[in-house]
Amino acid sequence: MKIIITESEDFSNTAIQKLSKFGELILLDIKDRPTLLEKTKDADVLFVRLRFYIDKEIIDNAPRLKYILTATTGLDHIDKEYFESKAGTVISLRGEYDFLSSIPSTAEHTWGLLLSLARNTTRAVNDVKNGFWRRDLFKGNNLKGKKIGILGLGRVGKQVAKFSETFGMEVGFYDIEKKEAEYITFKNPKDLFCWADIISIHIPLNEENKGFVSKELLNELKPTSFVINTSRGQVIDELYLCKLIENHKIKGYATDVLENEINLKNNISSQQLVILAKKGYNVIITPHIAGATYESMEMTEEFIVDKFTNYLNEK
């Protein structure tokens, strides 16, 4: 087999050694789509990260392609349905709950965003960089005693809930599945949004969840509320959220994801949330780095290679 790692910078050496046993392994760090099309046309296996959307054109351009490996739970960077219709197989982290419970990076990043949002850290740092020392402009909020509403009590939601306990917060959640937990359980998301001082979003992206955090839900928030999103940009109505931020109907928004982020990377400054952040609103945006720690990426890459190995052995 010809196996291509499309973004090999800092890739796990252990995973590389294991993959090389299956055939010709090529390590690349592809930066643009034309190069991607050219270099992958005769691949049997692609190991991808999040730089590109693996769409119909890329799949059709690689007639030998049988496997796409990705160390992610979200699959919105792959046209999975089309690839599977061509008898391809996607190997991912989706559904690997026991393993994923050992990965702390997304929950840790969520908490970092929340602390930065509540304490105006990013805006204060930028102000100092611009030559000022204006302490009174950046008063923040304590987290102790606040109500945090967790939308989706999966593996990341549970980790965030544990952090919340440590900070002395009240924890409530809504999940479409019945979950046994010591936290306040809400039967519908509207009641959760009404109750919470902080909403942390941890639902997967699927057809049912596109736009789940809708105008109607956002209107339930208090003007003093914060919203954190380390899920996917498509799960929230970004345009309406921007209106709320501009009109001071919520106190701040921190996100690691944007709607249609893969297609925006060359024109990111035109994105409305980015514009608001530049104007000084309490908006924090990071470039989808919640899972991007050296430790977690190594662990997940090695897990995917082992999963791929097991899949081949069972065929």
Protein backbone atom coordinates (compact mmCIF):
# COMPACT_ATOMS: atom_id res chain seq x y z
CA MET A 1 0.00 0.00 0.00
CA LYS A 2 0.99 3.62 -0.56
CA ILE A 3 0.27 5.55 2.61
CA ILE A 4 0.45 9.34 2.70
CA ILE A 5 0.42 11.48 5.82
CA THR A 6 -0.72 14.84 4.49
CA GLU A 7 0.30 16.92 7.54
CA SER A 8 3.27 15.21 9.12
CA GLU A 9 4.77 17.97 11.26
CA ASP A 10 5.32 16.64 14.82
CA PHE A 11 3.63 13.37 13.88
CA SER A 12 4.06 10.50 16.32
CA ASN A 13 7.24 8.56 15.59
CA THR A 14 5.63 5.44 17.01
CA ALA A 15 2.68 5.79 14.64
CA ILE A 16 5.07 6.37 11.71
CA GLN A 17 7.03 3.21 12.52
CA LYS A 18 3.86 1.12 12.74
CA LEU A 19 2.40 2.51 9.50
CA SER A 20 5.64 1.91 7.59
CA LYS A 21 5.15 -1.85 8.04
CA PHE A 22 2.13 -1.75 5.70
CA GLY A 23 3.95 -0.47 2.64
CA GLU A 24 5.42 2.72 1.21
CA LEU A 25 4.95 5.55 3.71
CA ILE A 26 5.28 9.15 2.50
CA LEU A 27 5.48 12.03 4.96
CA LEU A 28 4.31 15.36 3.58
CA ASP A 29 3.26 18.73 4.92
CA ILE A 30 0.91 19.87 2.18
CA LYS A 31 -0.09 23.55 2.30
CA ASP A 32 -2.40 24.02 -0.69
CA ARG A 33 -5.15 22.18 -2.51
CA PRO A 34 -3.44 21.78 -5.93
CA THR A 35 -0.51 20.06 -4.21
CA LEU A 36 -2.92 17.87 -2.27
CA LEU A 37 -4.59 16.74 -5.49
CA GLU A 38 -1.26 16.04 -7.17
CA LYS A 39 0.42 14.20 -4.30
CA THR A 40 -2.50 12.00 -3.28
CA LYS A 41 -3.68 10.77 -6.68
CA ASP A 42 -2.10 7.33 -6.31
CA ALA A 43 -2.58 6.85 -2.56
CA ASP A 44 -4.20 3.79 -1.02
CA VAL A 45 -4.34 5.35 2.46
CA LEU A 46 -4.48 8.97 3.60
CA PHE A 47 -3.85 10.07 7.16
CA VAL A 48 -5.28 13.60 7.42
CA ARG A 49 -5.62 16.32 10.01
CA LEU A 50 -7.86 19.38 9.62
CA ARG A 51 -6.15 21.58 7.04
CA PHE A 52 -8.26 20.41 4.10
CA TYR A 53 -11.78 19.23 3.33
CA ILE A 54 -11.46 15.82 1.72
CA ASP A 55 -14.26 16.18 -0.80
CA LYS A 56 -15.58 14.43 -3.90
CA GLU A 57 -12.91 15.92 -6.16
CA ILE A 58 -10.04 14.69 -4.00
CA ILE A 59 -11.65 11.26 -3.59
CA ASP A 60 -12.34 10.86 -7.33
CA ASN A 61 -8.80 12.02 -8.11
CA ALA A 62 -7.42 9.10 -6.08
CA PRO A 63 -9.01 5.96 -7.58
CA ARG A 64 -6.92 3.60 -5.44
CA LEU A 65 -7.89 5.29 -2.18
CA LYS A 66 -9.49 2.81 0.22
CA TYR A 67 -8.84 4.24 3.68
CA ILE A 68 -8.88 7.69 5.25
CA LEU A 69 -7.42 7.86 8.75
CA THR A 70 -8.13 10.85 10.98
CA ALA A 71 -7.37 11.29 14.68
CA THR A 72 -10.56 13.27 15.27
CA THR A 73 -14.08 12.69 16.55
CA GLY A 74 -15.64 15.26 14.21
CA LEU A 75 -15.74 14.27 10.54
CA ASP A 76 -16.94 17.47 8.91
CA HIS A 77 -13.57 17.72 7.11
CA ILE A 78 -14.34 14.56 5.11
CA ASP A 79 -17.19 13.79 2.71
CA LYS A 80 -17.67 10.51 4.55
CA GLU A 81 -20.94 9.59 2.88
CA TYR A 82 -19.50 9.93 -0.61
CA PHE A 83 -16.28 8.11 0.28
CA GLU A 84 -18.21 5.20 1.77
CA SER A 85 -20.40 5.09 -1.34
CA LYS A 86 -17.16 4.41 -3.24
CA ALA A 87 -16.40 1.49 -0.87
CA GLY A 88 -13.95 3.56 1.17
CA THR A 89 -13.51 3.26 4.93
CA VAL A 90 -12.92 6.11 7.39
CA ILE A 91 -10.99 5.22 10.55
CA SER A 92 -11.59 7.85 13.24
CA LEU A 93 -12.02 8.43 16.97
CA ARG A 94 -15.79 8.63 16.73
CA GLY A 95 -17.41 6.37 19.31
CA GLU A 96 -14.14 5.52 21.09
CA TYR A 97 -15.47 6.71 24.44
CA ASP A 98 -13.20 4.75 26.77
CA PHE A 99 -10.04 5.92 25.04
CA LEU A 100 -11.24 9.50 24.62
CA SER A 101 -11.98 9.78 28.33
CA SER A 102 -8.21 9.70 28.86
CA ILE A 103 -7.64 12.72 26.58
CA PRO A 104 -7.89 16.01 28.53
CA SER A 105 -6.86 18.59 25.92
CA THR A 106 -10.27 19.85 24.73
CA ALA A 107 -11.66 20.20 28.25
CA GLU A 108 -8.50 21.98 29.38
CA HIS A 109 -8.72 24.40 26.46
CA THR A 110 -12.41 24.99 27.20
CA TRP A 111 -11.47 26.00 30.71
CA GLY A 112 -8.70 28.25 29.49
CA LEU A 113 -11.17 30.04 27.21
CA LEU A 114 -13.65 30.42 30.05
CA LEU A 115 -11.07 31.91 32.41
CA SER A 116 -9.84 34.29 29.70
CA LEU A 117 -13.38 35.38 28.92
CA ALA A 118 -14.45 35.89 32.53
CA ARG A 119 -11.31 37.81 33.45
CA ASN A 120 -10.91 39.81 30.20
CA THR A 121 -7.43 38.36 29.90
CA THR A 122 -7.00 38.58 26.13
CA ARG A 123 -8.21 42.15 25.88
CA ALA A 124 -6.07 43.20 28.87
CA VAL A 125 -2.94 41.59 27.36
CA ASN A 126 -3.54 43.33 24.03
CA ASP A 127 -4.03 46.65 25.82
CA VAL A 128 -0.67 46.31 27.56
CA LYS A 129 0.96 45.42 24.23
CA ASN A 130 -0.43 48.70 22.89
CA GLY A 131 1.39 50.60 25.64
CA PHE A 132 -1.29 51.03 28.29
CA TRP A 133 -1.69 50.00 31.93
CA ARG A 134 -5.45 50.45 32.49
CA ARG A 135 -6.42 48.12 35.32
CA ASP A 136 -9.92 49.54 35.80
CA LEU A 137 -10.97 48.78 32.21
CA PHE A 138 -10.65 45.04 32.69
CA LYS A 139 -12.47 44.07 35.84
CA GLY A 140 -13.63 40.47 35.58
CA ASN A 141 -15.94 37.98 37.24
CA ASN A 142 -15.37 35.21 39.76
CA LEU A 143 -16.41 31.72 38.71
CA LYS A 144 -17.16 30.53 42.23
CA GLY A 145 -20.91 30.41 42.80
CA LYS A 146 -21.76 30.83 39.10
CA LYS A 147 -24.11 28.44 37.29
CA ILE A 148 -22.52 26.62 34.38
CA GLY A 149 -24.81 24.90 31.89
CA ILE A 150 -23.20 22.10 29.93
CA LEU A 151 -24.84 21.31 26.61
CA GLY A 152 -23.93 17.68 26.01
CA LEU A 153 -22.63 15.62 28.91
CA GLY A 154 -20.31 13.41 26.90
CA ARG A 155 -16.65 12.81 27.63
CA VAL A 156 -15.60 16.49 27.28
CA GLY A 157 -18.73 17.75 29.02
CA LYS A 158 -18.02 15.48 31.97
CA GLN A 159 -14.43 16.68 32.22
CA VAL A 160 -15.58 20.32 32.16
CA ALA A 161 -18.16 19.52 34.85
CA LYS A 162 -15.37 18.19 37.10
CA PHE A 163 -13.37 21.39 36.61
CA SER A 164 -16.52 23.36 37.49
CA GLU A 165 -16.85 21.50 40.79
CA THR A 166 -13.27 22.39 41.68
CA PHE A 167 -14.06 26.07 41.10
CA GLY A 168 -17.12 25.90 43.37
CA MET A 169 -19.72 26.34 40.63
CA GLU A 170 -23.24 24.99 40.29
CA VAL A 171 -23.40 22.53 37.40
CA GLY A 172 -26.41 21.79 35.24
CA PHE A 173 -26.66 19.97 31.94
CA TYR A 174 -28.88 18.94 29.06
CA ASP A 175 -28.23 15.86 26.95
CA ILE A 176 -30.53 14.11 24.49
CA GLU A 177 -29.55 10.82 26.10
CA LYS A 178 -30.58 10.02 29.63
CA LYS A 179 -27.48 10.46 31.81
CA GLU A 180 -27.03 9.51 35.42
CA ALA A 181 -25.07 12.33 37.04
CA GLU A 182 -24.90 14.21 40.32
CA TYR A 183 -25.56 17.49 38.49
CA ILE A 184 -28.82 19.35 37.90
CA THR A 185 -30.55 17.69 34.96
CA PHE A 186 -32.63 19.78 32.57
CA LYS A 187 -35.29 18.16 30.42
CA ASN A 188 -34.93 20.69 27.62
CA PRO A 189 -32.18 23.06 26.48
CA LYS A 190 -34.36 26.17 26.84
CA ASP A 191 -34.55 25.73 30.61
CA LEU A 192 -30.77 25.18 30.76
CA PHE A 193 -30.08 28.41 28.86
CA CYS A 194 -32.51 30.34 31.10
CA TRP A 195 -30.81 29.06 34.24
CA ALA A 196 -27.13 29.32 33.37
CA ASP A 197 -24.64 32.14 33.81
CA ILE A 198 -22.26 30.29 31.50
CA ILE A 199 -23.04 27.90 28.64
CA SER A 200 -20.38 25.44 27.50
CA ILE A 201 -21.20 23.64 24.25
CA HIS A 202 -20.11 20.01 23.83
CA ILE A 203 -22.46 18.43 21.30
CA PRO A 204 -21.27 16.56 18.20
CA LEU A 205 -21.89 17.93 14.74
CA ASN A 206 -24.48 15.90 12.86
CA GLU A 207 -27.57 16.70 10.83
CA GLU A 208 -29.74 17.02 13.94
CA ASN A 209 -27.31 19.39 15.66
CA LYS A 210 -26.69 21.85 12.82
CA GLY A 211 -27.92 25.17 14.17
CA PHE A 212 -28.99 23.51 17.43
CA VAL A 213 -28.01 26.60 19.43
CA SER A 214 -30.62 28.64 17.63
CA LYS A 215 -31.92 32.19 17.84
CA GLU A 216 -34.64 30.92 20.19
CA LEU A 217 -32.13 29.35 22.55
CA LEU A 218 -29.76 32.30 22.45
CA ASN A 219 -32.61 34.65 23.34
CA GLU A 220 -32.96 32.80 26.66
CA LEU A 221 -29.51 33.91 27.80
CA LYS A 222 -28.97 36.61 30.41
CA PRO A 223 -27.17 39.82 29.37
CA THR A 224 -24.44 38.84 31.87
CA SER A 225 -23.89 35.38 30.39
CA PHE A 226 -20.83 33.87 28.72
CA VAL A 227 -20.87 31.22 26.00
CA ILE A 228 -17.99 28.84 25.23
CA ASN A 229 -17.87 26.65 22.11
CA THR A 230 -15.28 23.91 21.58
CA SER A 231 -17.70 21.76 19.55
CA ARG A 232 -18.15 22.92 15.93
CA GLY A 233 -19.09 26.29 14.46
CA GLN A 234 -22.10 24.88 12.62
CA VAL A 235 -23.93 23.99 15.84
CA ILE A 236 -24.60 27.65 16.68
CA ASP A 237 -26.36 30.47 14.81
CA GLU A 238 -23.27 32.65 14.46
CA LEU A 239 -24.94 35.59 12.72
CA TYR A 240 -27.58 35.96 15.40
CA LEU A 241 -24.96 35.48 18.10
CA CYS A 242 -23.03 38.41 16.60
CA LYS A 243 -26.14 40.61 16.91
CA LEU A 244 -26.44 39.71 20.58
CA ILE A 245 -22.78 40.53 21.18
CA GLU A 246 -23.02 43.89 19.36
CA ASN A 247 -26.15 44.83 21.31
CA HIS A 248 -24.61 43.72 24.64
CA LYS A 249 -27.25 41.03 25.13
CA ILE A 250 -24.56 38.60 26.29
CA LYS A 251 -21.29 39.43 28.04
CA GLY A 252 -18.88 37.39 25.94
CA TYR A 253 -18.22 34.51 23.57
CA ALA A 254 -15.14 32.31 23.32
CA THR A 255 -14.78 29.73 20.58
CA ASP A 256 -12.22 27.36 19.12
CA VAL A 257 -14.31 26.81 15.99
CA LEU A 258 -16.03 28.82 13.27
CA GLU A 259 -18.74 27.93 10.81
CA ASN A 260 -17.20 26.93 7.47
CA GLU A 261 -13.73 27.47 8.93
CA ILE A 262 -11.88 25.34 6.36
CA ASN A 263 -13.09 27.56 3.51
CA LEU A 264 -12.49 30.77 5.46
CA LYS A 265 -8.80 30.34 6.22
CA ASN A 266 -7.67 32.61 3.34
CA ASN A 267 -10.26 35.27 4.17
CA ILE A 268 -10.63 34.92 7.91
CA SER A 269 -10.61 38.69 8.54
CA SER A 270 -14.01 38.97 6.84
CA GLN A 271 -15.67 36.64 9.34
CA GLN A 272 -18.13 38.58 11.49
CA LEU A 273 -16.92 37.20 14.83
CA VAL A 274 -13.34 38.09 13.90
CA ILE A 275 -14.47 41.61 13.04
CA LEU A 276 -16.14 41.94 16.46
CA ALA A 277 -13.01 40.68 18.22
CA LYS A 278 -10.92 43.28 16.37
CA LYS A 279 -13.36 45.99 17.41
CA GLY A 280 -12.75 45.15 21.06
CA TYR A 281 -15.87 43.19 21.92
CA ASN A 282 -15.39 40.40 24.46
CA VAL A 283 -14.87 37.74 21.82
CA ILE A 284 -12.03 35.21 21.92
CA ILE A 285 -11.28 32.98 18.91
CA THR A 286 -8.63 30.29 18.69
CA PRO A 287 -7.91 28.38 15.44
CA HIS A 288 -9.32 24.94 16.29
CA ILE A 289 -6.48 24.09 18.68
CA ALA A 290 -8.43 22.53 21.55
CA GLY A 291 -7.19 19.04 20.73
CA ALA A 292 -3.80 20.20 19.49
CA THR A 293 -1.39 19.34 22.27
CA TYR A 294 1.76 17.34 21.61
CA GLU A 295 0.71 14.68 24.10
CA SER A 296 -2.88 14.26 22.93
CA MET A 297 -2.00 14.28 19.24
CA GLU A 298 0.61 11.56 19.75
CA MET A 299 -1.82 9.45 21.76
CA THR A 300 -4.62 9.80 19.23
CA GLU A 301 -2.41 9.19 16.18
CA GLU A 302 -1.07 6.01 17.73
CA PHE A 303 -4.57 4.89 18.66
CA ILE A 304 -5.79 5.39 15.08
CA VAL A 305 -2.87 3.40 13.66
CA ASP A 306 -3.62 0.58 16.11
CA LYS A 307 -7.29 0.72 15.16
CA PHE A 308 -6.35 0.58 11.47
CA THR A 309 -4.06 -2.41 12.16
CA ASN A 310 -6.83 -4.26 13.97
CA TYR A 311 -9.27 -3.48 11.16
CA LEU A 312 -6.92 -4.96 8.54
CA ASN A 313 -6.19 -8.01 10.68
CA GLU A 314 -9.91 -8.71 11.08
CA LYS A 315 -10.67 -8.46 7.36
